[in-house]
């Protein structure tokens, strides 16, 4: 198992919109070879911060997804202005 973690902070006051983008995401990663699951966490003490965890069968599967056109299409709905 390989876990990839991304941590970012919403810097433009659009925390609710970013959250909605994750809830209503196109689920393109769900069919990526080697993908297991995704979790989106938000710490209570830092409500503008997001931790994105994706679980993969192996690191190669994650790397292939990360380099794919589908990866870039999946992120097109995320509002701009993140740190």
N, C-alpha and C. Protein backbone atom coordinates (compact mmCIF):
# COMPACT_ATOMS: atom_id res chain seq x y z
N UNK A 1 0.86 -1.18 0.00
CA UNK A 1 0.00 0.00 0.00
C UNK A 1 0.90 1.23 0.00
N UNK A 2 0.47 2.24 -0.76
CA UNK A 2 1.15 3.54 -0.82
C UNK A 2 0.11 4.61 -0.54
N UNK A 3 0.45 5.57 0.31
CA UNK A 3 -0.46 6.67 0.64
C UNK A 3 0.21 7.98 0.22
N UNK A 4 -0.51 8.76 -0.58
CA UNK A 4 -0.04 10.09 -0.98
C UNK A 4 -0.85 11.12 -0.21
N UNK A 5 -0.15 12.08 0.39
CA UNK A 5 -0.84 13.11 1.17
C UNK A 5 -0.51 14.49 0.60
N UNK A 6 -1.56 15.27 0.39
CA UNK A 6 -1.41 16.67 0.00
C UNK A 6 -2.04 17.50 1.10
N UNK A 7 -1.36 18.55 1.49
CA UNK A 7 -1.86 19.46 2.51
C UNK A 7 -1.86 20.85 1.91
N UNK A 8 -2.99 21.53 1.99
CA UNK A 8 -3.04 22.89 1.48
C UNK A 8 -3.99 23.74 2.31
N UNK A 9 -3.81 25.03 2.19
CA UNK A 9 -4.65 25.98 2.90
C UNK A 9 -5.36 26.86 1.89
N UNK A 10 -6.64 27.08 2.11
CA UNK A 10 -7.42 27.96 1.25
C UNK A 10 -7.09 29.39 1.66
N UNK A 11 -6.56 30.15 0.71
CA UNK A 11 -6.06 31.48 1.02
C UNK A 11 -6.96 32.61 0.52
N UNK A 12 -8.08 32.27 -0.10
CA UNK A 12 -8.90 33.31 -0.72
C UNK A 12 -10.32 33.39 -0.17
N UNK A 13 -10.55 32.81 1.00
CA UNK A 13 -11.88 32.86 1.60
C UNK A 13 -12.90 31.95 0.94
N UNK A 14 -12.45 31.01 0.12
CA UNK A 14 -13.36 30.12 -0.60
C UNK A 14 -13.37 28.71 -0.03
N UNK A 15 -13.23 28.59 1.28
CA UNK A 15 -13.17 27.27 1.92
C UNK A 15 -14.40 26.44 1.61
N UNK A 16 -15.58 27.03 1.71
CA UNK A 16 -16.81 26.29 1.43
C UNK A 16 -16.87 25.81 -0.01
N UNK A 17 -16.42 26.65 -0.94
CA UNK A 17 -16.44 26.27 -2.36
C UNK A 17 -15.45 25.13 -2.63
N UNK A 18 -14.30 25.18 -1.98
CA UNK A 18 -13.31 24.10 -2.15
C UNK A 18 -13.88 22.80 -1.57
N UNK A 19 -14.50 22.89 -0.42
CA UNK A 19 -15.11 21.70 0.17
C UNK A 19 -16.17 21.12 -0.76
N UNK A 20 -17.02 22.00 -1.31
CA UNK A 20 -18.06 21.55 -2.24
C UNK A 20 -17.45 20.91 -3.49
N UNK A 21 -16.32 21.45 -3.95
CA UNK A 21 -15.65 20.86 -5.11
C UNK A 21 -15.20 19.44 -4.82
N UNK A 22 -14.75 19.17 -3.60
CA UNK A 22 -14.38 17.80 -3.24
C UNK A 22 -15.61 16.90 -3.12
N UNK A 23 -16.66 17.41 -2.52
CA UNK A 23 -17.89 16.61 -2.37
C UNK A 23 -18.46 16.26 -3.74
N UNK A 24 -18.44 17.22 -4.66
CA UNK A 24 -19.03 17.03 -5.98
C UNK A 24 -18.00 16.71 -7.06
N UNK A 25 -16.87 16.20 -6.65
CA UNK A 25 -15.79 15.90 -7.59
C UNK A 25 -16.25 14.91 -8.65
N UNK A 26 -15.57 14.90 -9.80
CA UNK A 26 -16.00 14.02 -10.89
C UNK A 26 -15.64 12.54 -10.68
N UNK A 27 -14.94 12.21 -9.62
CA UNK A 27 -14.58 10.82 -9.29
C UNK A 27 -13.72 10.15 -10.36
N UNK A 28 -12.95 10.94 -11.10
CA UNK A 28 -12.11 10.37 -12.15
C UNK A 28 -11.03 9.45 -11.58
N UNK A 29 -10.53 9.77 -10.39
CA UNK A 29 -9.49 8.94 -9.80
C UNK A 29 -10.02 7.55 -9.43
N UNK A 30 -11.29 7.45 -9.19
CA UNK A 30 -11.87 6.18 -8.73
C UNK A 30 -11.60 5.01 -9.67
N UNK A 31 -11.43 5.28 -10.95
CA UNK A 31 -11.20 4.23 -11.92
C UNK A 31 -9.73 4.10 -12.33
N UNK A 32 -8.86 4.89 -11.70
CA UNK A 32 -7.43 4.81 -12.02
C UNK A 32 -6.87 3.47 -11.57
N UNK A 33 -6.07 2.82 -12.41
CA UNK A 33 -5.46 1.55 -12.01
C UNK A 33 -4.66 1.70 -10.72
N UNK A 34 -4.93 0.85 -9.76
CA UNK A 34 -4.20 0.85 -8.49
C UNK A 34 -4.81 1.72 -7.40
N UNK A 35 -5.85 2.51 -7.74
CA UNK A 35 -6.48 3.38 -6.75
C UNK A 35 -7.30 2.53 -5.77
N UNK A 36 -7.20 2.87 -4.47
CA UNK A 36 -7.96 2.16 -3.44
C UNK A 36 -9.05 3.05 -2.87
N UNK A 37 -8.67 4.23 -2.36
CA UNK A 37 -9.67 5.14 -1.80
C UNK A 37 -9.06 6.51 -1.56
N UNK A 38 -9.93 7.49 -1.29
CA UNK A 38 -9.50 8.85 -0.99
C UNK A 38 -10.22 9.34 0.25
N UNK A 39 -9.50 10.10 1.06
CA UNK A 39 -10.09 10.75 2.24
C UNK A 39 -9.69 12.21 2.24
N UNK A 40 -10.65 13.07 2.56
CA UNK A 40 -10.39 14.50 2.68
C UNK A 40 -10.64 14.87 4.13
N UNK A 41 -9.61 15.40 4.78
CA UNK A 41 -9.69 15.76 6.20
C UNK A 41 -9.52 17.25 6.36
N UNK A 42 -10.20 17.80 7.38
CA UNK A 42 -10.07 19.22 7.73
C UNK A 42 -9.90 19.31 9.24
N UNK A 43 -8.74 19.75 9.71
CA UNK A 43 -8.53 19.86 11.15
C UNK A 43 -9.45 20.92 11.76
N UNK A 44 -9.99 20.63 12.91
CA UNK A 44 -10.88 21.60 13.59
C UNK A 44 -10.16 22.89 13.94
N UNK A 45 -8.89 22.77 14.34
CA UNK A 45 -8.15 23.96 14.76
C UNK A 45 -7.65 24.79 13.57
N UNK A 46 -7.79 24.28 12.35
CA UNK A 46 -7.38 25.01 11.14
C UNK A 46 -8.42 24.76 10.05
N UNK A 47 -9.59 25.39 10.15
CA UNK A 47 -10.70 25.08 9.24
C UNK A 47 -10.44 25.41 7.77
N UNK A 48 -9.45 26.23 7.47
CA UNK A 48 -9.12 26.55 6.08
C UNK A 48 -8.10 25.58 5.49
N UNK A 49 -7.68 24.61 6.27
CA UNK A 49 -6.67 23.65 5.84
C UNK A 49 -7.34 22.34 5.42
N UNK A 50 -6.83 21.76 4.36
CA UNK A 50 -7.32 20.47 3.87
C UNK A 50 -6.15 19.49 3.80
N UNK A 51 -6.40 18.26 4.17
CA UNK A 51 -5.44 17.18 4.01
C UNK A 51 -6.10 16.17 3.09
N UNK A 52 -5.52 15.93 1.96
CA UNK A 52 -6.04 14.98 0.99
C UNK A 52 -5.17 13.73 1.00
N UNK A 53 -5.77 12.60 1.33
CA UNK A 53 -5.05 11.32 1.36
C UNK A 53 -5.61 10.42 0.28
N UNK A 54 -4.73 9.92 -0.59
CA UNK A 54 -5.15 8.92 -1.57
C UNK A 54 -4.36 7.65 -1.29
N UNK A 55 -5.05 6.55 -1.32
CA UNK A 55 -4.48 5.24 -1.03
C UNK A 55 -4.38 4.45 -2.34
N UNK A 56 -3.22 3.86 -2.56
CA UNK A 56 -2.91 3.15 -3.81
C UNK A 56 -2.32 1.78 -3.50
N UNK A 57 -2.43 0.88 -4.47
CA UNK A 57 -1.81 -0.43 -4.31
C UNK A 57 -0.29 -0.32 -4.26
N UNK A 58 0.26 0.66 -4.99
CA UNK A 58 1.72 0.86 -4.99
C UNK A 58 2.04 2.27 -5.48
N UNK A 59 3.27 2.68 -5.29
CA UNK A 59 3.69 4.03 -5.66
C UNK A 59 3.63 4.25 -7.17
N UNK A 60 3.94 3.23 -7.94
CA UNK A 60 3.90 3.36 -9.40
C UNK A 60 2.51 3.73 -9.90
N UNK A 61 1.48 3.15 -9.31
CA UNK A 61 0.10 3.47 -9.70
C UNK A 61 -0.19 4.95 -9.45
N UNK A 62 0.25 5.44 -8.29
CA UNK A 62 0.05 6.87 -7.98
C UNK A 62 0.80 7.74 -8.97
N UNK A 63 2.04 7.42 -9.25
CA UNK A 63 2.86 8.23 -10.17
C UNK A 63 2.24 8.26 -11.57
N UNK A 64 1.76 7.12 -12.03
CA UNK A 64 1.11 7.08 -13.35
C UNK A 64 -0.13 7.98 -13.37
N UNK A 65 -0.93 7.94 -12.32
CA UNK A 65 -2.11 8.80 -12.21
C UNK A 65 -1.70 10.27 -12.19
N UNK A 66 -0.71 10.60 -11.40
CA UNK A 66 -0.28 11.98 -11.23
C UNK A 66 0.24 12.60 -12.52
N UNK A 67 0.78 11.78 -13.42
CA UNK A 67 1.29 12.27 -14.70
C UNK A 67 0.24 12.25 -15.81
N UNK A 68 -0.93 11.74 -15.53
CA UNK A 68 -1.94 11.54 -16.58
C UNK A 68 -2.73 12.80 -16.89
N UNK A 69 -3.31 12.82 -18.09
CA UNK A 69 -4.20 13.91 -18.48
C UNK A 69 -5.46 13.88 -17.61
N UNK A 70 -5.89 12.71 -17.23
CA UNK A 70 -7.09 12.57 -16.40
C UNK A 70 -6.88 13.26 -15.05
N UNK A 71 -5.67 13.16 -14.49
CA UNK A 71 -5.35 13.84 -13.23
C UNK A 71 -5.59 15.34 -13.37
N UNK A 72 -5.07 15.91 -14.44
CA UNK A 72 -5.22 17.36 -14.64
C UNK A 72 -6.68 17.74 -14.86
N UNK A 73 -7.42 16.91 -15.57
CA UNK A 73 -8.85 17.18 -15.77
C UNK A 73 -9.61 17.10 -14.44
N UNK A 74 -9.22 16.16 -13.58
CA UNK A 74 -9.89 15.98 -12.29
C UNK A 74 -9.73 17.20 -11.39
N UNK A 75 -8.64 17.93 -11.56
CA UNK A 75 -8.37 19.08 -10.70
C UNK A 75 -8.87 20.40 -11.28
N UNK A 76 -9.49 20.36 -12.42
CA UNK A 76 -9.93 21.59 -13.06
C UNK A 76 -11.09 22.27 -12.32
N UNK A 77 -11.84 21.54 -11.49
CA UNK A 77 -12.96 22.13 -10.77
C UNK A 77 -12.61 22.74 -9.42
N UNK A 78 -11.35 22.63 -9.01
CA UNK A 78 -10.93 23.18 -7.73
C UNK A 78 -10.71 24.69 -7.89
N UNK A 79 -11.35 25.51 -7.07
CA UNK A 79 -11.15 26.96 -7.17
C UNK A 79 -9.69 27.35 -6.99
N UNK A 80 -9.28 28.38 -7.70
CA UNK A 80 -7.91 28.88 -7.64
C UNK A 80 -7.68 29.66 -6.35
N UNK A 81 -6.39 29.87 -6.01
CA UNK A 81 -6.04 30.68 -4.86
C UNK A 81 -5.68 29.89 -3.63
N UNK A 82 -5.15 28.70 -3.82
CA UNK A 82 -4.75 27.87 -2.69
C UNK A 82 -3.26 28.04 -2.41
N UNK A 83 -2.88 27.91 -1.16
CA UNK A 83 -1.46 27.89 -0.78
C UNK A 83 -1.02 26.46 -0.60
